[in-house]
Protein backbone atom coordinates (compact mmCIF):
# COMPACT_ATOMS: atom_id res chain seq x y z
CA MET A 1 0.00 0.00 0.00
CA PRO A 2 1.38 3.51 -0.77
CA GLU A 3 2.94 5.38 2.12
CA ILE A 4 0.67 7.92 3.79
CA GLN A 5 2.05 11.43 3.44
CA ARG A 6 1.84 14.20 6.02
CA PRO A 7 -0.92 16.70 5.11
CA VAL A 8 0.17 19.88 3.36
CA LYS A 9 -1.61 23.25 3.45
CA THR A 10 -4.12 23.14 0.62
CA ARG A 11 -7.73 24.16 0.37
CA GLY A 12 -9.01 20.83 1.60
CA PHE A 13 -7.02 20.94 4.82
CA TYR A 14 -7.28 24.44 6.22
CA VAL A 15 -9.52 27.52 6.17
CA ARG A 16 -8.34 31.07 5.96
CA MET A 17 -11.01 33.65 6.89
CA LYS A 18 -10.73 37.23 5.90
CA LEU A 19 -13.53 39.32 7.38
CA SER A 20 -14.24 42.58 5.67
CA ASN A 21 -15.55 45.72 7.24
CA GLY A 22 -17.50 46.36 4.09
CA GLY A 23 -20.91 45.04 5.13
CA GLN A 24 -23.05 42.20 6.46
CA ARG A 25 -23.58 40.57 3.05
CA HIS A 26 -19.92 39.85 2.70
CA THR A 27 -19.90 38.64 6.27
CA ARG A 28 -22.85 36.26 5.64
CA ASN A 29 -21.19 34.94 2.46
CA SER A 30 -17.95 34.45 4.29
CA ALA A 31 -19.72 32.63 7.11
CA LYS A 32 -21.57 30.36 4.60
CA GLN A 33 -18.28 29.63 2.80
CA PHE A 34 -16.62 28.84 6.11
CA CYS A 35 -19.35 26.37 7.08
CA TYR A 36 -19.12 24.68 3.69
CA ARG A 37 -15.35 24.33 3.85
CA TYR A 38 -15.48 23.21 7.48
CA SER A 39 -18.07 20.49 6.72
CA LYS A 40 -16.00 19.34 3.75
CA TRP A 41 -12.94 19.07 5.97
CA ILE A 42 -14.86 17.07 8.59
CA LEU A 43 -16.17 14.70 5.90
CA TRP A 44 -12.70 14.12 4.47
CA PHE A 45 -11.29 13.48 7.92
CA SER A 46 -14.02 10.94 8.76
CA ILE A 47 -13.54 9.02 5.51
CA SER A 48 -9.78 8.99 5.96
CA LEU A 49 -10.13 7.75 9.53
CA TYR A 50 -12.46 4.95 8.40
CA PHE A 51 -10.08 3.67 5.72
CA LEU A 52 -7.09 3.90 8.04
CA SER A 53 -8.99 1.92 10.69
CA SER A 54 -9.96 -0.75 8.14
CA PHE A 55 -6.40 -0.90 6.90
CA PHE A 56 -4.88 -1.65 10.29
CA ASN A 57 -7.64 -3.95 11.56
CA LYS A 58 -8.13 -6.07 8.43
CA PRO A 59 -7.44 -9.76 9.27
CA SER A 60 -5.02 -10.38 6.43
CA PRO A 61 -2.37 -13.15 6.55
CA SER A 62 0.23 -10.69 5.29
CA PHE A 63 -0.22 -8.47 8.35
CA SER A 64 0.35 -11.38 10.70
CA ARG A 65 3.96 -11.28 9.53
CA THR A 66 4.49 -7.70 8.34
CA ILE A 67 4.52 -4.59 10.53
CA LEU A 68 4.22 -1.11 9.00
CA ARG A 69 7.57 0.67 9.07
CA HIS A 70 8.95 3.91 7.68
CA SER A 71 11.49 2.12 5.49
CA ALA A 72 11.22 -0.71 2.99
CA ALA A 73 14.45 -2.24 4.32
CA SER A 74 12.98 -2.81 7.77
CA ARG A 75 9.89 -4.43 6.24
CA VAL A 76 12.12 -6.87 4.35
CA LEU A 77 13.90 -7.88 7.57
CA ILE A 78 10.61 -8.53 9.34
CA GLU A 79 9.25 -10.61 6.49
CA GLU A 80 12.46 -12.65 6.26
CA SER A 81 12.31 -13.31 9.99
CA TYR A 82 8.78 -14.60 9.64
CA TYR A 83 9.57 -16.87 6.71
CA ASN A 84 12.61 -18.31 8.48
CA SER A 85 10.55 -19.13 11.56
CA THR A 86 7.88 -20.92 9.53
CA SER A 87 9.98 -22.47 6.78
CA SER A 88 10.07 -25.80 8.62
CA LEU A 89 6.27 -25.87 8.43
CA ARG A 90 6.03 -24.89 4.75
CA PHE A 91 9.15 -26.80 3.66
CA PRO A 92 9.77 -29.71 6.09
CA MET A 93 13.27 -31.22 6.02
CA ASN A 94 14.48 -28.06 4.26
CA GLY A 95 12.50 -29.02 1.18
CA MET A 96 14.48 -32.26 0.79
CA LYS A 97 13.39 -34.65 -1.96
CA VAL A 98 14.27 -38.32 -2.47
CA TYR A 99 14.22 -40.24 -5.75
CA VAL A 100 13.48 -43.96 -5.41
CA TYR A 101 15.03 -46.10 -8.14
CA ASP A 102 12.65 -48.50 -9.86
CA LEU A 103 14.93 -51.53 -9.93
CA PRO A 104 14.20 -54.86 -11.63
CA PRO A 105 12.36 -57.29 -9.32
CA GLU A 106 15.38 -59.52 -8.75
CA TYR A 107 16.77 -56.79 -6.49
CA ASN A 108 13.71 -56.51 -4.25
CA ALA A 109 10.13 -57.50 -5.17
CA ALA A 110 11.02 -61.06 -6.20
CA TRP A 111 12.24 -61.78 -2.67
CA LEU A 112 8.82 -60.99 -1.21
CA SER A 113 7.56 -64.44 -2.23
CA ASP A 114 8.93 -65.44 1.19
CA ARG A 115 6.40 -63.75 3.51
CA ARG A 116 8.99 -63.49 6.30
CA CYS A 117 10.88 -61.01 4.16
CA SER A 118 8.55 -58.16 5.15
CA ARG A 119 7.98 -59.27 8.76
CA HIS A 120 11.22 -60.41 10.38
CA LEU A 121 13.65 -58.31 12.41
CA PHE A 122 15.63 -57.39 9.25
CA ALA A 123 12.57 -56.09 7.38
CA ALA A 124 13.46 -52.40 7.76
CA GLU A 125 14.90 -52.67 4.23
CA VAL A 126 11.39 -53.45 2.96
CA ALA A 127 9.54 -51.06 5.28
CA ILE A 128 11.67 -48.02 4.39
CA HIS A 129 11.29 -48.73 0.67
CA ARG A 130 7.51 -48.92 0.97
CA ALA A 131 7.23 -45.83 3.16
CA LEU A 132 9.43 -43.71 0.89
CA SER A 133 7.54 -44.83 -2.21
CA SER A 134 4.33 -43.22 -0.93
CA SER A 135 5.97 -40.35 0.93
CA GLU A 136 5.47 -36.63 0.31
CA PHE A 137 9.27 -36.40 0.18
CA ARG A 138 9.50 -38.61 -2.88
CA THR A 139 10.06 -36.98 -6.25
CA LEU A 140 9.44 -38.68 -9.57
CA ASN A 141 11.86 -36.30 -11.26
CA PRO A 142 15.46 -37.28 -10.44
CA LEU A 143 16.66 -33.79 -11.37
CA ASP A 144 14.80 -32.48 -8.31
CA ALA A 145 16.27 -35.06 -5.94
CA ASP A 146 18.69 -34.43 -3.09
CA PHE A 147 19.12 -38.15 -2.39
CA PHE A 148 18.68 -41.35 -4.38
CA PHE A 149 17.35 -44.43 -2.59
CA VAL A 150 18.56 -47.78 -3.93
CA PRO A 151 16.07 -50.47 -2.78
CA VAL A 152 18.00 -53.73 -2.56
CA TYR A 153 16.77 -56.49 -0.23
CA VAL A 154 19.69 -58.58 0.99
CA SER A 155 18.27 -60.13 4.17
CA CYS A 156 15.22 -61.89 2.75
CA ASN A 157 16.91 -65.18 1.92
CA PHE A 158 17.01 -67.34 5.03
CA SER A 159 18.89 -70.56 5.51
CA LYS A 160 16.38 -73.30 6.29
CA VAL A 161 18.99 -75.22 8.31
CA ASN A 162 20.14 -72.89 11.07
CA GLY A 163 17.75 -69.94 10.78
CA PHE A 164 20.49 -67.37 10.15
CA PRO A 165 20.07 -64.92 7.28
CA ALA A 166 22.09 -66.21 4.37
CA ILE A 167 23.63 -62.99 3.11
CA GLY A 168 26.63 -64.38 1.30
CA HIS A 169 24.98 -63.09 -1.87
CA ALA A 170 24.66 -59.55 -0.48
CA ARG A 171 27.87 -57.98 -1.80
CA ALA A 172 27.32 -59.31 -5.29
CA LEU A 173 23.69 -58.17 -5.30
CA MET A 174 24.61 -54.69 -4.09
CA ALA A 175 27.41 -54.44 -6.65
CA ALA A 176 25.02 -55.44 -9.43
CA ALA A 177 22.53 -52.78 -8.32
CA VAL A 178 25.25 -50.13 -8.40
CA ARG A 179 26.26 -51.19 -11.91
CA HIS A 180 22.62 -51.03 -12.97
CA VAL A 181 22.02 -47.45 -11.79
CA SER A 182 25.45 -46.19 -12.88
CA GLU A 183 25.06 -47.53 -16.43
CA ARG A 184 21.47 -46.34 -16.94
CA PHE A 185 21.43 -43.06 -15.04
CA PRO A 186 23.96 -40.22 -14.74
CA PHE A 187 23.37 -39.52 -11.04
CA TRP A 188 25.69 -42.07 -9.44
CA ASN A 189 28.69 -41.09 -11.53
CA ARG A 190 28.31 -37.33 -11.06
CA SER A 191 28.58 -37.64 -7.24
CA GLY A 192 30.47 -40.92 -6.94
CA GLY A 193 27.44 -42.26 -5.06
CA ALA A 194 27.73 -39.69 -2.26
CA ASP A 195 24.03 -38.82 -2.43
CA HIS A 196 22.85 -42.44 -2.75
CA VAL A 197 21.24 -44.28 0.17
CA PHE A 198 21.19 -48.02 0.94
CA VAL A 199 19.82 -50.17 3.79
CA ALA A 200 21.86 -52.84 5.60
CA SER A 201 19.52 -54.07 8.32
CA HIS A 202 21.30 -57.24 9.43
CA ASP A 203 23.90 -58.05 12.10
CA PHE A 204 26.97 -56.05 11.09
CA GLY A 205 25.42 -53.75 8.57
CA SER A 206 27.52 -52.44 5.74
CA CYS A 207 30.12 -55.21 6.15
CA PHE A 208 27.48 -57.72 4.93
CA HIS A 209 28.46 -60.59 7.18
CA THR A 210 26.81 -62.23 10.21
CA MET A 211 30.03 -62.90 12.17
CA GLU A 212 31.89 -59.93 13.58
CA ASP A 213 35.49 -61.03 12.99
CA ALA A 214 34.76 -61.96 9.37
CA ALA A 215 32.75 -58.78 8.89
CA ALA A 216 35.52 -56.62 10.30
CA ALA A 217 38.15 -58.39 8.18
CA GLU A 218 36.22 -57.82 4.95
CA GLY A 219 35.06 -54.32 5.85
CA VAL A 220 32.76 -52.10 3.82
CA PRO A 221 32.74 -52.90 0.09
CA GLU A 222 34.80 -50.40 -1.89
CA PHE A 223 31.90 -49.45 -4.19
CA LEU A 224 29.80 -48.44 -1.17
CA LYS A 225 32.30 -46.39 0.81
CA ASN A 226 31.20 -43.05 -0.60
CA SER A 227 27.46 -43.60 0.00
CA ILE A 228 25.07 -43.43 2.96
CA VAL A 229 24.07 -46.68 4.67
CA LEU A 230 21.08 -47.05 7.00
CA GLN A 231 22.12 -49.85 9.34
CA THR A 232 21.00 -51.45 12.59
CA PHE A 233 24.61 -51.98 13.67
CA GLY A 234 26.12 -49.18 15.71
CA VAL A 235 28.79 -48.99 18.43
CA GLU A 236 30.48 -46.10 20.18
CA ASP A 237 34.02 -47.24 19.40
CA LYS A 238 35.68 -47.13 16.01
CA HIS A 239 34.69 -50.18 14.00
CA PRO A 240 35.41 -51.25 10.39
CA CYS A 241 31.69 -51.71 9.72
CA GLN A 242 31.12 -48.04 10.49
CA ASN A 243 33.77 -46.77 8.07
CA VAL A 244 31.08 -45.28 5.86
CA GLU A 245 28.60 -42.43 6.19
CA HIS A 246 25.74 -44.11 8.04
CA VAL A 247 22.60 -43.70 10.13
CA VAL A 248 21.79 -46.13 12.94
CA ILE A 249 18.20 -47.35 12.59
CA PRO A 250 16.06 -49.63 14.78
CA PRO A 251 15.35 -53.24 13.85
CA TYR A 252 11.92 -53.91 12.43
CA VAL A 253 8.98 -54.76 14.66
CA SER A 254 5.55 -55.04 13.08
CA PRO A 255 3.30 -52.11 14.09
CA GLU A 256 0.29 -54.37 13.54
CA SER A 257 1.59 -56.93 16.05
CA VAL A 258 2.07 -54.21 18.66
CA ARG A 259 -1.41 -52.80 18.07
CA THR A 260 -2.94 -56.27 18.36
CA THR A 261 -1.14 -56.89 21.66
CA LEU A 262 -2.25 -53.55 23.11
CA GLU A 263 -5.85 -54.21 22.09
CA LYS A 264 -5.79 -57.24 24.37
CA THR A 265 -3.74 -55.80 27.24
CA ALA A 266 -3.60 -52.10 28.16
CA LEU A 267 -0.22 -50.39 28.28
CA ASN A 268 -0.87 -49.26 31.87
CA GLY A 269 -2.29 -52.61 32.95
CA ARG A 270 -1.03 -54.94 35.67
CA ARG A 271 2.60 -56.01 35.28
CA ASP A 272 3.01 -59.20 37.26
CA ILE A 273 6.35 -60.28 35.72
CA PHE A 274 9.37 -58.66 37.38
CA ALA A 275 12.09 -59.44 34.79
CA PHE A 276 11.46 -61.09 31.43
CA PHE A 277 13.50 -62.74 28.68
CA ARG A 278 12.56 -65.27 26.04
CA GLY A 279 15.14 -66.39 23.49
CA LYS A 280 18.37 -68.29 23.01
CA MET A 281 20.11 -69.00 26.33
CA GLU A 282 22.43 -71.91 25.69
CA VAL A 283 23.50 -73.98 28.67
CA HIS A 284 26.76 -74.29 26.76
CA PRO A 285 26.97 -71.28 24.42
CA LYS A 286 27.45 -71.91 20.73
CA ASN A 287 31.06 -71.89 19.74
CA VAL A 288 31.49 -71.05 16.06
CA SER A 289 35.21 -71.23 15.29
CA GLY A 290 36.07 -69.82 18.68
CA ARG A 291 33.30 -67.21 18.75
CA TYR A 292 30.85 -67.61 21.62
CA TYR A 293 27.24 -66.63 21.11
CA SER A 294 26.31 -63.50 23.10
CA LYS A 295 29.83 -63.52 24.56
CA ARG A 296 28.35 -66.02 27.06
CA VAL A 297 26.16 -63.26 28.57
CA ARG A 298 22.87 -65.08 27.96
CA THR A 299 24.33 -68.28 29.39
CA MET A 300 25.37 -66.41 32.54
CA ILE A 301 21.85 -64.95 32.88
CA TRP A 302 20.34 -68.44 32.66
CA GLN A 303 22.81 -69.97 35.09
CA ARG A 304 22.55 -67.16 37.63
CA TYR A 305 18.81 -66.40 37.51
CA GLY A 306 17.18 -69.48 35.98
CA GLY A 307 16.04 -70.57 39.46
CA ASP A 308 15.07 -67.07 40.66
CA ARG A 309 11.27 -66.78 40.73
CA ARG A 310 11.45 -63.03 40.03
CA PHE A 311 12.99 -63.78 36.62
CA TYR A 312 10.69 -65.13 33.92
CA LEU A 313 13.25 -66.76 31.60
CA ARG A 314 12.22 -68.98 28.69
CA ARG A 315 14.47 -70.59 26.09
CA ARG A 316 11.79 -71.78 23.65
CA ARG A 317 10.16 -69.69 20.95
CA PHE A 318 6.57 -68.54 21.47
CA ALA A 319 4.70 -66.68 18.73
CA GLY A 320 2.64 -64.64 21.20
CA TYR A 321 5.51 -63.61 23.45
CA GLN A 322 4.58 -59.91 23.16
CA SER A 323 1.73 -60.73 25.55
CA GLU A 324 4.46 -61.53 28.10
CA ILE A 325 6.36 -58.29 27.43
CA VAL A 326 3.30 -56.15 28.11
CA ARG A 327 2.95 -57.88 31.51
CA SER A 328 6.59 -57.27 32.47
CA LYS A 329 8.31 -54.48 34.39
CA PHE A 330 11.86 -55.12 33.10
CA CYS A 331 12.75 -56.70 29.74
CA LEU A 332 16.28 -58.00 29.33
CA CYS A 333 17.93 -57.01 26.05
CA PRO A 334 21.30 -58.81 25.97
CA LEU A 335 23.44 -58.87 22.85
CA GLY A 336 23.30 -61.82 20.44
CA TRP A 337 25.93 -62.14 17.72
CA ALA A 338 25.57 -58.37 17.26
CA PRO A 339 24.87 -55.84 20.05
CA TRP A 340 21.40 -54.75 18.88
CA SER A 341 18.16 -56.66 19.38
CA PRO A 342 14.50 -56.31 18.31
CA ARG A 343 13.68 -56.55 22.03
CA LEU A 344 14.78 -52.93 22.33
CA VAL A 345 11.91 -51.82 20.12
CA GLU A 346 9.36 -54.30 21.46
CA SER A 347 10.09 -53.32 25.06
CA VAL A 348 9.69 -49.61 24.41
CA ALA A 349 6.56 -50.11 22.29
CA LEU A 350 4.93 -52.24 25.00
CA GLY A 351 5.96 -50.17 28.02
CA CYS A 352 8.49 -52.59 29.52
CA VAL A 353 11.73 -51.01 30.74
CA PRO A 354 14.51 -52.27 28.42
CA VAL A 355 17.59 -53.49 30.28
CA ILE A 356 20.38 -53.13 27.74
CA ILE A 357 23.28 -55.53 28.21
CA ALA A 358 25.57 -54.81 25.25
CA ASP A 359 28.74 -52.87 25.92
CA GLY A 360 29.33 -49.85 23.70
CA ILE A 361 26.07 -50.10 21.76
CA ARG A 362 24.98 -46.98 19.87
CA LEU A 363 21.21 -46.64 19.95
CA PRO A 364 19.01 -45.29 17.15
CA PHE A 365 17.63 -41.76 16.91
CA PRO A 366 18.93 -40.33 20.23
CA ALA A 367 17.51 -36.89 19.36
CA ALA A 368 13.98 -38.35 19.32
CA VAL A 369 14.31 -41.15 21.89
CA PRO A 370 15.61 -40.15 25.36
CA TRP A 371 17.24 -43.51 26.04
CA ALA A 372 18.72 -42.48 29.40
CA GLU A 373 15.20 -41.69 30.66
CA ILE A 374 13.43 -44.83 29.43
CA SER A 375 15.98 -47.65 29.79
CA LEU A 376 18.68 -49.16 31.99
CA THR A 377 22.19 -50.10 30.89
CA VAL A 378 24.07 -52.89 32.63
CA ALA A 379 27.67 -53.75 31.74
CA GLU A 380 28.26 -57.25 30.45
CA ARG A 381 30.67 -57.93 33.32
CA ASP A 382 27.97 -56.94 35.86
CA VAL A 383 25.39 -59.55 34.84
CA GLY A 384 25.97 -61.30 38.18
CA ARG A 385 24.65 -58.16 39.94
CA LEU A 386 21.63 -57.80 37.69
CA GLY A 387 19.13 -58.76 40.40
CA LYS A 388 20.41 -56.13 42.81
CA VAL A 389 20.39 -53.46 40.12
CA LEU A 390 16.76 -54.15 39.20
CA ASP A 391 15.71 -54.28 42.87
CA HIS A 392 17.27 -50.85 43.44
CA VAL A 393 15.52 -49.31 40.43
CA ALA A 394 12.19 -50.90 41.38
CA ALA A 395 12.46 -49.32 44.83
CA THR A 396 13.47 -45.86 43.60
CA ASN A 397 12.57 -44.53 40.14
CA LEU A 398 10.74 -47.31 38.27
CA THR A 399 7.50 -45.30 38.23
CA VAL A 400 9.23 -42.34 36.58
CA ILE A 401 10.82 -44.52 33.89
CA GLN A 402 7.50 -46.21 33.16
CA ARG A 403 5.80 -42.82 32.82
CA ASN A 404 8.47 -41.73 30.33
CA LEU A 405 7.90 -44.93 28.36
CA ARG A 406 4.23 -44.11 27.93
CA ASP A 407 5.05 -41.09 25.76
CA PRO A 408 3.48 -42.02 22.40
CA GLU A 409 6.04 -39.95 20.47
CA VAL A 410 8.87 -42.06 21.89
CA ARG A 411 7.21 -45.30 20.83
CA LYS A 412 6.34 -43.91 17.42
CA ALA A 413 9.96 -42.96 16.67
CA LEU A 414 11.00 -46.64 16.67
CA MET A 415 8.19 -48.04 14.52
CA PHE A 416 8.20 -48.26 10.72
CA ASN A 417 4.69 -47.48 9.49
CA ASP A 418 3.19 -47.88 6.01
CA PRO A 419 2.35 -45.25 5.01
CA MET A 420 4.85 -43.16 6.91
CA VAL A 421 3.57 -41.16 9.88
CA LYS A 422 5.15 -37.91 11.01
CA GLY A 423 7.63 -38.71 13.78
CA ASP A 424 7.92 -42.46 13.06
CA ALA A 425 11.09 -44.38 12.22
CA THR A 426 11.13 -43.55 8.49
CA TRP A 427 10.48 -39.91 9.37
CA GLN A 428 13.50 -40.03 11.71
CA VAL A 429 15.59 -41.47 8.86
CA LEU A 430 14.60 -38.47 6.72
CA VAL A 431 15.46 -36.10 9.56
CA ALA A 432 18.92 -37.68 9.69
CA LEU A 433 19.30 -37.37 5.91
CA SER A 434 18.24 -33.71 6.01
CA ALA A 435 21.27 -33.09 8.21
CA LYS A 436 23.47 -34.44 5.38
CA LEU A 437 22.25 -32.12 2.64
CA ASP A 438 25.83 -31.01 2.10
CA ARG A 439 26.10 -34.28 0.15
CA SER A 440 23.29 -33.27 -2.21
CA HIS A 441 24.75 -32.76 -5.69
CA LYS A 442 21.71 -30.68 -6.63
CA ARG A 443 22.37 -28.16 -3.89
CA LEU A 444 26.12 -28.11 -4.35
CA SER A 445 25.74 -27.37 -8.06
CA SER A 446 23.27 -24.52 -7.39
CA GLU A 447 25.60 -22.64 -5.04
């Protein structure tokens, strides 16, 4: 709107009277002229006041962010301040966009013939692909993309003999996928794969091996070292399987299974089990070429607390074991071959305090999940004191921890939903990627 100028002395704004001594007629005319001019001035003033009042009181979106100022420069500063404060609402993740490669089915869809592929603890590779494919952050135009998601499923093929994921094919399958996108699209070669994203949701992540010493010896494949890997494996110390740009993600737990369990048993219901664990607890731990399963931790738990009535320990599989978690106060989450466990997610989702027994583990999404406020950490060497530790917590701050666990936003951050829900695990992955936009070739080339 044009700037309002200060009134100047013109006929419409002031009256000059000059009374003559020459007679009453002139006086009457002068008086009539004065009244006319005075009424005109009053009318102008009233109209001006009305429009000014409407101007400042009009409920316009622009005036919620712009304040009238004497200079255009100050108006610009105010408007920029407003847009910066609301840009996260109008452009979430800094306007980040992800292109999802449409790969031939042998890289992903063909594996789904095994129904476990989309349900087991490694199924984050499937869940993230599905969530991104229907996400508002997906772009169908690769020229608009900040990141390129390469959907390769490497954990779907299970050995029928021992139950371990047979991922010996993983490196070759990943390498073939990289050749496919690099030969058919220009985007891998222009950045060297720096803006390309993969998932490695099994034991030792980007090393693509289920045994730590072999994984560490082989390391991250050379063709993948410049990319971003979303992996369940994470430790605080330096490790060969972390020698790549990566994001630690939670293992997959079915949101439907959690909802079904909570429909039967309320989150704040009676918890009559003090400490719970169901899973492998070998009387004599497996020794695979000198490597002991769980570093003997699970064996020590069984030997020390198997006869303790406060500890509900079971070595056999049970399909409905989530019904036991939702009845428990403490859920033991000891390491297996790798430090992470799906029990971490199940415990949080079902309101059972996770007791993490895995030295040096790095937990997923610490900015969204306040792990120190919802879990306990017990050193592997202190398993013999586990009972005393849990007794102390039960007598002091168990109620506070349980209340923190009931925060729905905390539970949501660890669950992969389809479609994606704001704040869930796939959303947290995108938050982590938005912090790596310095790897976006699109943005680097526009600077």
